[in-house]
Amino acid sequence: MATLSEIQALLGEPRFNWSDPAPWIELEREIGAEFPADFREIVNAYGSIEINGQLYLKHPASHLLHDLGRFIRENLELWREEDMAEFLPSPAGTKPGELIPVATATTGEAIFLRVPDDSSPPWRVVVQEFDSPAWTLYEVTFSEWLLDYLKGQDVTLCSRDRAPDGPSWEFLP
């Protein structure tokens, strides 16, 4: 699994550095699933951000304008609609084998975490290309997927022209 320090080496120092677990506990209780530790660590470090002018990550602190809980609720509703469900390899939801929407990209992709079938396998990443019926399952953790994205490796939404001078991020307004 990739580490936060590897991500920081490419993305730069985080400035959010959230330490209160309360928003995560509240959101996890609401949806009935615990997020993977690497995802929580990255989002706690950086907060609600835009990476490379393309990828949007959100933190669950409900006082933020862009919060993960609202994003998940709205997107679960969207992806559960009959005409949208056919574009995913598994149902959108929070039960084992289902997909939790956790991020989007300006280039038309939706990023999901696949809930493990039991407690032993790691979480996986699914990227759905919103403008087509295509999706890709990445057999890696979120931190490994993000590290590959930052390195410009193929993770479906990699657009090298988005970060010509290297990875960057900024807080969402």
N, C-alpha and C. Protein backbone atom coordinates (compact mmCIF):
# COMPACT_ATOMS: atom_id res chain seq x y z
N MET A 1 0.84 -1.18 0.00
CA MET A 1 0.00 0.00 0.00
C MET A 1 0.89 1.24 0.00
N ALA A 2 0.49 2.22 -0.81
CA ALA A 2 1.22 3.49 -0.84
C ALA A 2 1.02 4.21 0.49
N THR A 3 1.97 5.04 0.82
CA THR A 3 1.88 5.77 2.09
C THR A 3 1.60 7.24 1.85
N LEU A 4 1.12 7.89 2.88
CA LEU A 4 0.86 9.32 2.79
C LEU A 4 2.14 10.08 2.45
N SER A 5 3.28 9.65 2.98
CA SER A 5 4.53 10.36 2.69
C SER A 5 4.89 10.25 1.20
N GLU A 6 4.56 9.14 0.54
CA GLU A 6 4.82 9.01 -0.90
C GLU A 6 3.92 9.98 -1.68
N ILE A 7 2.69 10.12 -1.25
CA ILE A 7 1.76 11.04 -1.90
C ILE A 7 2.20 12.47 -1.66
N GLN A 8 2.61 12.79 -0.43
CA GLN A 8 3.09 14.14 -0.12
C GLN A 8 4.32 14.50 -0.95
N ALA A 9 5.18 13.52 -1.20
CA ALA A 9 6.39 13.78 -1.98
C ALA A 9 6.05 14.29 -3.38
N LEU A 10 4.92 13.85 -3.93
CA LEU A 10 4.50 14.30 -5.26
C LEU A 10 3.53 15.47 -5.21
N LEU A 11 2.62 15.43 -4.26
CA LEU A 11 1.55 16.42 -4.21
C LEU A 11 1.92 17.67 -3.41
N GLY A 12 2.83 17.51 -2.47
CA GLY A 12 3.20 18.64 -1.62
C GLY A 12 2.59 18.51 -0.24
N GLU A 13 3.02 19.36 0.64
CA GLU A 13 2.57 19.32 2.04
C GLU A 13 1.08 19.62 2.16
N PRO A 14 0.37 18.83 2.96
CA PRO A 14 -1.03 19.15 3.23
C PRO A 14 -1.13 20.31 4.22
N ARG A 15 -2.25 21.01 4.17
CA ARG A 15 -2.46 22.12 5.10
C ARG A 15 -3.76 21.99 5.88
N PHE A 16 -4.48 20.89 5.71
CA PHE A 16 -5.75 20.71 6.41
C PHE A 16 -5.51 20.00 7.74
N ASN A 17 -4.86 18.85 7.67
CA ASN A 17 -4.40 18.09 8.85
C ASN A 17 -5.47 17.93 9.93
N TRP A 18 -6.58 17.34 9.57
CA TRP A 18 -7.71 17.12 10.45
C TRP A 18 -7.42 15.95 11.38
N SER A 19 -7.74 16.09 12.67
CA SER A 19 -7.46 15.00 13.61
C SER A 19 -8.69 14.51 14.35
N ASP A 20 -9.80 15.22 14.31
CA ASP A 20 -11.02 14.83 15.02
C ASP A 20 -11.74 13.72 14.23
N PRO A 21 -11.91 12.52 14.81
CA PRO A 21 -12.56 11.43 14.08
C PRO A 21 -14.08 11.56 14.00
N ALA A 22 -14.68 12.52 14.69
CA ALA A 22 -16.14 12.62 14.79
C ALA A 22 -16.85 12.65 13.43
N PRO A 23 -16.42 13.46 12.43
CA PRO A 23 -17.14 13.46 11.15
C PRO A 23 -17.11 12.09 10.45
N TRP A 24 -16.00 11.39 10.56
CA TRP A 24 -15.90 10.06 9.96
C TRP A 24 -16.83 9.09 10.68
N ILE A 25 -16.81 9.12 12.00
CA ILE A 25 -17.65 8.21 12.79
C ILE A 25 -19.12 8.45 12.45
N GLU A 26 -19.52 9.71 12.39
CA GLU A 26 -20.91 10.05 12.07
C GLU A 26 -21.29 9.57 10.67
N LEU A 27 -20.45 9.83 9.67
CA LEU A 27 -20.74 9.41 8.30
C LEU A 27 -20.75 7.89 8.18
N GLU A 28 -19.78 7.23 8.80
CA GLU A 28 -19.72 5.77 8.73
C GLU A 28 -20.93 5.13 9.42
N ARG A 29 -21.38 5.72 10.49
CA ARG A 29 -22.59 5.22 11.17
C ARG A 29 -23.80 5.39 10.25
N GLU A 30 -23.88 6.54 9.60
CA GLU A 30 -25.00 6.83 8.71
C GLU A 30 -25.06 5.86 7.53
N ILE A 31 -23.92 5.60 6.90
CA ILE A 31 -23.94 4.76 5.69
C ILE A 31 -23.75 3.27 6.00
N GLY A 32 -23.32 2.95 7.21
CA GLY A 32 -23.18 1.55 7.59
C GLY A 32 -21.92 0.88 7.06
N ALA A 33 -20.88 1.65 6.82
CA ALA A 33 -19.61 1.10 6.34
C ALA A 33 -18.48 1.98 6.83
N GLU A 34 -17.34 1.35 7.15
CA GLU A 34 -16.14 2.09 7.55
C GLU A 34 -15.23 2.25 6.35
N PHE A 35 -14.77 3.47 6.15
CA PHE A 35 -13.87 3.74 5.03
C PHE A 35 -12.49 3.14 5.30
N PRO A 36 -11.75 2.82 4.23
CA PRO A 36 -10.40 2.30 4.42
C PRO A 36 -9.49 3.36 5.05
N ALA A 37 -8.56 2.90 5.86
CA ALA A 37 -7.68 3.80 6.61
C ALA A 37 -6.87 4.71 5.69
N ASP A 38 -6.41 4.21 4.55
CA ASP A 38 -5.59 5.05 3.67
C ASP A 38 -6.41 6.19 3.08
N PHE A 39 -7.66 5.94 2.73
CA PHE A 39 -8.52 6.99 2.20
C PHE A 39 -8.75 8.06 3.26
N ARG A 40 -9.08 7.64 4.48
CA ARG A 40 -9.29 8.58 5.57
C ARG A 40 -8.03 9.42 5.84
N GLU A 41 -6.87 8.77 5.84
CA GLU A 41 -5.63 9.48 6.12
C GLU A 41 -5.34 10.56 5.09
N ILE A 42 -5.54 10.26 3.82
CA ILE A 42 -5.29 11.22 2.75
C ILE A 42 -6.26 12.39 2.85
N VAL A 43 -7.54 12.08 3.02
CA VAL A 43 -8.55 13.13 3.08
C VAL A 43 -8.39 13.97 4.35
N ASN A 44 -8.02 13.34 5.46
CA ASN A 44 -7.76 14.11 6.68
C ASN A 44 -6.56 15.05 6.50
N ALA A 45 -5.58 14.62 5.76
CA ALA A 45 -4.39 15.45 5.56
C ALA A 45 -4.69 16.66 4.66
N TYR A 46 -5.42 16.43 3.56
CA TYR A 46 -5.61 17.48 2.56
C TYR A 46 -6.96 18.18 2.62
N GLY A 47 -7.99 17.53 3.13
CA GLY A 47 -9.31 18.15 3.18
C GLY A 47 -10.03 18.07 1.85
N SER A 48 -10.96 18.98 1.64
CA SER A 48 -11.72 19.04 0.38
C SER A 48 -10.88 19.82 -0.63
N ILE A 49 -10.37 19.10 -1.64
CA ILE A 49 -9.41 19.69 -2.57
C ILE A 49 -9.70 19.32 -4.02
N GLU A 50 -9.06 20.09 -4.90
CA GLU A 50 -9.02 19.78 -6.32
C GLU A 50 -7.56 19.49 -6.65
N ILE A 51 -7.31 18.34 -7.25
CA ILE A 51 -5.95 17.93 -7.60
C ILE A 51 -5.78 18.09 -9.12
N ASN A 52 -4.72 18.76 -9.50
CA ASN A 52 -4.37 18.96 -10.91
C ASN A 52 -5.50 19.61 -11.72
N GLY A 53 -6.33 20.40 -11.07
CA GLY A 53 -7.45 21.03 -11.77
C GLY A 53 -8.42 20.02 -12.34
N GLN A 54 -8.43 18.79 -11.77
CA GLN A 54 -9.20 17.72 -12.37
C GLN A 54 -9.94 16.85 -11.37
N LEU A 55 -9.28 16.37 -10.34
CA LEU A 55 -9.82 15.38 -9.42
C LEU A 55 -10.29 16.07 -8.14
N TYR A 56 -11.54 15.79 -7.75
CA TYR A 56 -12.11 16.41 -6.55
C TYR A 56 -12.24 15.39 -5.43
N LEU A 57 -11.60 15.68 -4.29
CA LEU A 57 -11.74 14.88 -3.07
C LEU A 57 -12.44 15.74 -2.03
N LYS A 58 -13.26 15.11 -1.19
CA LYS A 58 -14.00 15.86 -0.18
C LYS A 58 -13.85 15.23 1.19
N HIS A 59 -13.86 16.08 2.21
CA HIS A 59 -13.75 15.66 3.61
C HIS A 59 -15.15 15.58 4.20
N PRO A 60 -15.38 14.69 5.19
CA PRO A 60 -16.73 14.56 5.76
C PRO A 60 -17.15 15.63 6.77
N ALA A 61 -16.30 16.57 7.12
CA ALA A 61 -16.71 17.61 8.08
C ALA A 61 -17.88 18.38 7.48
N SER A 62 -19.03 18.31 8.13
CA SER A 62 -20.26 18.85 7.56
C SER A 62 -20.29 20.37 7.50
N HIS A 63 -19.38 21.05 8.19
CA HIS A 63 -19.35 22.51 8.12
C HIS A 63 -18.70 23.01 6.82
N LEU A 64 -18.06 22.11 6.08
CA LEU A 64 -17.41 22.50 4.83
C LEU A 64 -18.45 22.64 3.72
N LEU A 65 -18.21 23.56 2.80
CA LEU A 65 -19.10 23.75 1.67
C LEU A 65 -19.15 22.48 0.81
N HIS A 66 -18.02 21.81 0.66
CA HIS A 66 -17.93 20.58 -0.13
C HIS A 66 -17.65 19.42 0.81
N ASP A 67 -18.72 18.77 1.31
CA ASP A 67 -18.46 17.69 2.26
C ASP A 67 -18.80 16.33 1.68
N LEU A 68 -18.05 15.34 2.10
CA LEU A 68 -18.15 13.98 1.58
C LEU A 68 -19.51 13.35 1.84
N GLY A 69 -20.10 13.58 3.01
CA GLY A 69 -21.39 12.98 3.32
C GLY A 69 -22.47 13.39 2.33
N ARG A 70 -22.59 14.67 2.08
CA ARG A 70 -23.58 15.17 1.12
C ARG A 70 -23.29 14.60 -0.27
N PHE A 71 -22.02 14.58 -0.64
CA PHE A 71 -21.62 14.05 -1.95
C PHE A 71 -22.05 12.58 -2.09
N ILE A 72 -21.79 11.78 -1.07
CA ILE A 72 -22.14 10.36 -1.13
C ILE A 72 -23.66 10.18 -1.21
N ARG A 73 -24.40 10.88 -0.36
CA ARG A 73 -25.87 10.75 -0.38
C ARG A 73 -26.43 11.08 -1.77
N GLU A 74 -26.01 12.21 -2.33
CA GLU A 74 -26.51 12.63 -3.64
C GLU A 74 -26.12 11.64 -4.74
N ASN A 75 -24.89 11.17 -4.69
CA ASN A 75 -24.41 10.28 -5.75
C ASN A 75 -24.94 8.86 -5.61
N LEU A 76 -25.16 8.38 -4.39
CA LEU A 76 -25.80 7.07 -4.24
C LEU A 76 -27.18 7.10 -4.87
N GLU A 77 -27.90 8.18 -4.64
CA GLU A 77 -29.23 8.33 -5.22
C GLU A 77 -29.15 8.31 -6.75
N LEU A 78 -28.22 9.07 -7.30
CA LEU A 78 -28.03 9.12 -8.76
C LEU A 78 -27.70 7.74 -9.32
N TRP A 79 -26.70 7.07 -8.74
CA TRP A 79 -26.22 5.81 -9.30
C TRP A 79 -27.16 4.64 -9.03
N ARG A 80 -28.12 4.81 -8.17
CA ARG A 80 -29.12 3.76 -7.93
C ARG A 80 -30.29 3.84 -8.90
N GLU A 81 -30.40 4.95 -9.62
CA GLU A 81 -31.46 5.08 -10.61
C GLU A 81 -31.28 4.01 -11.67
N GLU A 82 -32.40 3.50 -12.13
CA GLU A 82 -32.39 2.38 -13.07
C GLU A 82 -31.54 2.64 -14.30
N ASP A 83 -31.64 3.84 -14.88
CA ASP A 83 -30.89 4.11 -16.10
C ASP A 83 -29.40 4.38 -15.85
N MET A 84 -28.98 4.56 -14.60
CA MET A 84 -27.57 4.77 -14.29
C MET A 84 -26.90 3.49 -13.78
N ALA A 85 -27.66 2.65 -13.09
CA ALA A 85 -27.11 1.44 -12.48
C ALA A 85 -26.45 0.52 -13.50
N GLU A 86 -26.93 0.53 -14.72
CA GLU A 86 -26.39 -0.36 -15.74
C GLU A 86 -24.95 0.00 -16.13
N PHE A 87 -24.49 1.19 -15.75
CA PHE A 87 -23.14 1.63 -16.11
C PHE A 87 -22.09 1.23 -15.09
N LEU A 88 -22.48 0.49 -14.06
CA LEU A 88 -21.54 0.07 -13.01
C LEU A 88 -21.43 -1.45 -12.97
N PRO A 89 -20.28 -1.97 -12.54
CA PRO A 89 -20.11 -3.42 -12.46
C PRO A 89 -20.83 -4.05 -11.26
N SER A 90 -21.18 -3.24 -10.28
CA SER A 90 -21.87 -3.67 -9.07
C SER A 90 -22.82 -2.55 -8.68
N PRO A 91 -23.81 -2.84 -7.84
CA PRO A 91 -24.71 -1.77 -7.41
C PRO A 91 -23.98 -0.71 -6.60
N ALA A 92 -24.48 0.50 -6.66
CA ALA A 92 -23.99 1.58 -5.80
C ALA A 92 -24.60 1.36 -4.43
N GLY A 93 -23.77 1.41 -3.41
CA GLY A 93 -24.25 1.20 -2.06
C GLY A 93 -23.10 1.03 -1.09
N THR A 94 -23.43 0.56 0.10
CA THR A 94 -22.43 0.46 1.15
C THR A 94 -22.30 -0.95 1.72
N LYS A 95 -22.94 -1.91 1.08
CA LYS A 95 -22.85 -3.30 1.53
C LYS A 95 -21.68 -3.99 0.83
N PRO A 96 -21.25 -5.14 1.34
CA PRO A 96 -20.14 -5.85 0.69
C PRO A 96 -20.37 -6.04 -0.81
N GLY A 97 -19.33 -5.74 -1.59
CA GLY A 97 -19.39 -5.86 -3.05
C GLY A 97 -19.97 -4.65 -3.75
N GLU A 98 -20.55 -3.72 -3.00
CA GLU A 98 -21.15 -2.54 -3.61
C GLU A 98 -20.12 -1.41 -3.74
N LEU A 99 -20.51 -0.36 -4.44
CA LEU A 99 -19.61 0.74 -4.76
C LEU A 99 -20.06 2.03 -4.09
N ILE A 100 -19.14 2.65 -3.34
CA ILE A 100 -19.41 3.93 -2.68
C ILE A 100 -18.77 5.03 -3.52
N PRO A 101 -19.55 5.99 -4.03
CA PRO A 101 -18.96 7.09 -4.78
C PRO A 101 -18.21 8.02 -3.84
N VAL A 102 -16.93 8.29 -4.13
CA VAL A 102 -16.12 9.11 -3.23
C VAL A 102 -15.44 10.30 -3.90
N ALA A 103 -15.44 10.36 -5.22
CA ALA A 103 -14.75 11.47 -5.89
C ALA A 103 -15.26 11.59 -7.32
N THR A 104 -14.99 12.74 -7.92
CA THR A 104 -15.32 12.97 -9.32
C THR A 104 -14.15 13.68 -9.98
N ALA A 105 -14.25 13.76 -11.30
CA ALA A 105 -13.23 14.47 -12.07
C ALA A 105 -13.91 15.39 -13.08
N THR A 106 -13.27 16.51 -13.36
CA THR A 106 -13.82 17.45 -14.34
C THR A 106 -13.87 16.83 -15.73
N THR A 107 -13.12 15.77 -15.94
CA THR A 107 -13.06 15.11 -17.24
C THR A 107 -14.15 14.05 -17.40
N GLY A 108 -15.09 13.99 -16.47
CA GLY A 108 -16.27 13.14 -16.62
C GLY A 108 -16.20 11.77 -15.98
N GLU A 109 -15.31 11.56 -15.05
CA GLU A 109 -15.23 10.26 -14.38
C GLU A 109 -15.78 10.33 -12.96
N ALA A 110 -16.29 9.20 -12.51
CA ALA A 110 -16.72 9.04 -11.12
C ALA A 110 -15.83 7.98 -10.49
N ILE A 111 -15.34 8.23 -9.29
CA ILE A 111 -14.43 7.32 -8.61
C ILE A 111 -15.18 6.70 -7.43
N PHE A 112 -15.13 5.38 -7.35
CA PHE A 112 -15.82 4.62 -6.32
C PHE A 112 -14.84 3.78 -5.53
N LEU A 113 -15.17 3.52 -4.28
CA LEU A 113 -14.48 2.51 -3.49
C LEU A 113 -15.38 1.30 -3.45
N ARG A 114 -14.82 0.14 -3.79
CA ARG A 114 -15.58 -1.11 -3.75
C ARG A 114 -15.45 -1.70 -2.35
N VAL A 115 -16.59 -1.85 -1.68
CA VAL A 115 -16.62 -2.41 -0.33
C VAL A 115 -16.18 -3.88 -0.42
N PRO A 116 -15.22 -4.29 0.41
CA PRO A 116 -14.76 -5.69 0.37
C PRO A 116 -15.91 -6.67 0.67
N ASP A 117 -15.80 -7.86 0.11
CA ASP A 117 -16.81 -8.89 0.36
C ASP A 117 -16.78 -9.37 1.80
N ASP A 118 -15.61 -9.35 2.42
CA ASP A 118 -15.51 -9.62 3.86
C ASP A 118 -14.40 -8.73 4.42
N SER A 119 -14.08 -8.90 5.66
CA SER A 119 -13.16 -7.95 6.29
C SER A 119 -11.70 -8.13 5.87
N SER A 120 -11.34 -9.22 5.19
CA SER A 120 -9.93 -9.44 4.88
C SER A 120 -9.44 -8.80 3.59
N PRO A 121 -10.18 -8.85 2.46
CA PRO A 121 -9.60 -8.25 1.25
C PRO A 121 -9.59 -6.73 1.33
N PRO A 122 -8.61 -6.10 0.73
CA PRO A 122 -8.58 -4.64 0.77
C PRO A 122 -9.67 -4.04 -0.13
N TRP A 123 -9.98 -2.80 0.15
CA TRP A 123 -10.88 -2.04 -0.68
C TRP A 123 -10.23 -1.85 -2.05
N ARG A 124 -11.02 -1.75 -3.09
CA ARG A 124 -10.53 -1.53 -4.44
C ARG A 124 -11.15 -0.27 -5.00
N VAL A 125 -10.63 0.20 -6.12
CA VAL A 125 -11.10 1.43 -6.76
C VAL A 125 -11.75 1.08 -8.09
N VAL A 126 -12.90 1.67 -8.35
CA VAL A 126 -13.58 1.55 -9.64
C VAL A 126 -13.73 2.96 -10.19
N VAL A 127 -13.35 3.14 -11.46
CA VAL A 127 -13.52 4.42 -12.13
C VAL A 127 -14.51 4.21 -13.26
N GLN A 128 -15.57 5.01 -13.24
CA GLN A 128 -16.59 4.96 -14.27
C GLN A 128 -16.48 6.21 -15.12
N GLU A 129 -16.45 6.02 -16.42
CA GLU A 129 -16.39 7.16 -17.34
C GLU A 129 -17.82 7.63 -17.58
N PHE A 130 -18.18 8.74 -16.96
CA PHE A 130 -19.56 9.20 -16.93
C PHE A 130 -20.16 9.40 -18.31
N ASP A 131 -19.33 9.76 -19.28
CA ASP A 131 -19.83 10.02 -20.62
C ASP A 131 -19.89 8.77 -21.50
N SER A 132 -19.68 7.61 -20.91
CA SER A 132 -19.76 6.35 -21.66
C SER A 132 -20.14 5.24 -20.69
N PRO A 133 -20.44 4.06 -21.21
CA PRO A 133 -20.77 2.96 -20.30
C PRO A 133 -19.54 2.22 -19.77
N ALA A 134 -18.36 2.74 -20.00
CA ALA A 134 -17.13 2.05 -19.61
C ALA A 134 -16.79 2.29 -18.14
N TRP A 135 -16.25 1.26 -17.52
CA TRP A 135 -15.75 1.35 -16.15
C TRP A 135 -14.51 0.47 -16.05
N THR A 136 -13.67 0.77 -15.06
CA THR A 136 -12.45 -0.02 -14.85
C THR A 136 -12.29 -0.29 -13.37
N LEU A 137 -12.06 -1.56 -13.05
CA LEU A 137 -11.77 -1.97 -11.67
C LEU A 137 -10.26 -1.99 -11.52
N TYR A 138 -9.74 -1.26 -10.52
CA TYR A 138 -8.32 -1.27 -10.23
C TYR A 138 -8.11 -2.11 -8.98
N GLU A 139 -7.32 -3.13 -9.10
CA GLU A 139 -7.05 -4.06 -7.99
C GLU A 139 -5.97 -3.49 -7.08
N VAL A 140 -6.18 -2.26 -6.65
CA VAL A 140 -5.24 -1.55 -5.78
C VAL A 140 -6.04 -0.79 -4.73
N THR A 141 -5.36 -0.38 -3.68
CA THR A 141 -6.00 0.46 -2.66
C THR A 141 -6.16 1.88 -3.20
N PHE A 142 -6.92 2.70 -2.49
CA PHE A 142 -7.10 4.09 -2.91
C PHE A 142 -5.76 4.82 -2.96
N SER A 143 -4.93 4.64 -1.94
CA SER A 143 -3.65 5.36 -1.92
C SER A 143 -2.76 4.93 -3.08
N GLU A 144 -2.77 3.66 -3.45
CA GLU A 144 -1.98 3.20 -4.60
C GLU A 144 -2.53 3.79 -5.90
N TRP A 145 -3.86 3.84 -6.01
CA TRP A 145 -4.49 4.42 -7.19
C TRP A 145 -4.14 5.91 -7.30
N LEU A 146 -4.25 6.64 -6.19
CA LEU A 146 -3.94 8.07 -6.20
C LEU A 146 -2.46 8.30 -6.52
N LEU A 147 -1.59 7.49 -5.98
CA LEU A 147 -0.16 7.63 -6.26
C LEU A 147 0.10 7.41 -7.76
N ASP A 148 -0.53 6.40 -8.35
CA ASP A 148 -0.40 6.17 -9.79
C ASP A 148 -0.90 7.38 -10.58
N TYR A 149 -2.03 7.94 -10.14
CA TYR A 149 -2.58 9.14 -10.80
C TYR A 149 -1.56 10.29 -10.73
N LEU A 150 -1.00 10.51 -9.56
CA LEU A 150 -0.04 11.60 -9.39
C LEU A 150 1.23 11.39 -10.22
N LYS A 151 1.58 10.14 -10.46
CA LYS A 151 2.76 9.82 -11.27
C LYS A 151 2.46 9.87 -12.77
N GLY A 152 1.19 10.10 -13.13
CA GLY A 152 0.81 10.16 -14.54
C GLY A 152 0.62 8.81 -15.17
N GLN A 153 0.44 7.78 -14.35
CA GLN A 153 0.20 6.45 -14.89
C GLN A 153 -1.28 6.28 -15.21
N ASP A 154 -1.61 5.33 -16.03
CA ASP A 154 -2.98 5.14 -16.50
C ASP A 154 -3.90 4.68 -15.38
N VAL A 155 -4.78 5.56 -14.95
CA VAL A 155 -5.82 5.21 -13.98
C VAL A 155 -7.17 5.73 -14.50
N THR A 156 -7.38 5.66 -15.79
CA THR A 156 -8.56 6.08 -16.54
C THR A 156 -8.64 7.59 -16.69
N LEU A 157 -8.50 8.37 -15.62
CA LEU A 157 -8.67 9.81 -15.74
C LEU A 157 -7.36 10.56 -15.84
N CYS A 158 -6.28 9.87 -16.05
CA CYS A 158 -4.99 10.53 -16.14
C CYS A 158 -4.91 11.39 -17.40
N SER A 159 -4.74 12.67 -17.22
CA SER A 159 -4.55 13.59 -18.34
C SER A 159 -3.27 14.36 -18.08
N ARG A 160 -2.24 14.00 -18.79
CA ARG A 160 -0.92 14.61 -18.55
C ARG A 160 -0.94 16.13 -18.73
N ASP A 161 -1.80 16.64 -19.60
CA ASP A 161 -1.83 18.09 -19.81
C ASP A 161 -2.42 18.85 -18.62
N ARG A 162 -3.02 18.14 -17.68
CA ARG A 162 -3.61 18.77 -16.51
C ARG A 162 -2.54 19.20 -15.49
N ALA A 163 -1.38 18.57 -15.53
CA ALA A 163 -0.32 18.89 -14.56
C ALA A 163 1.04 18.92 -15.27
N PRO A 164 1.21 19.85 -16.22
CA PRO A 164 2.47 19.86 -16.98
C PRO A 164 3.70 20.14 -16.12
N ASP A 165 3.51 20.83 -15.00
CA ASP A 165 4.64 21.15 -14.12
C ASP A 165 4.68 20.25 -12.90
N GLY A 166 3.93 19.17 -12.94
CA GLY A 166 3.89 18.25 -11.80
C GLY A 166 2.59 18.42 -11.03
N PRO A 167 2.27 17.45 -10.17
CA PRO A 167 1.02 17.47 -9.41
C PRO A 167 0.89 18.73 -8.54
N SER A 168 -0.35 19.17 -8.40
CA SER A 168 -0.65 20.32 -7.56
C SER A 168 -2.06 20.15 -6.99
N TRP A 169 -2.34 20.93 -5.97
CA TRP A 169 -3.68 20.89 -5.39
C TRP A 169 -4.04 22.26 -4.85
N GLU A 170 -5.33 22.46 -4.68
CA GLU A 170 -5.82 23.66 -4.02
C GLU A 170 -7.13 23.30 -3.31
N PHE A 171 -7.42 24.04 -2.25
CA PHE A 171 -8.68 23.81 -1.53
C PHE A 171 -9.85 24.14 -2.44
N LEU A 172 -10.94 23.39 -2.29
CA LEU A 172 -12.16 23.72 -3.00
C LEU A 172 -12.73 24.99 -2.36
N PRO A 173 -13.33 25.87 -3.17
CA PRO A 173 -13.84 27.12 -2.62
C PRO A 173 -14.99 26.89 -1.64
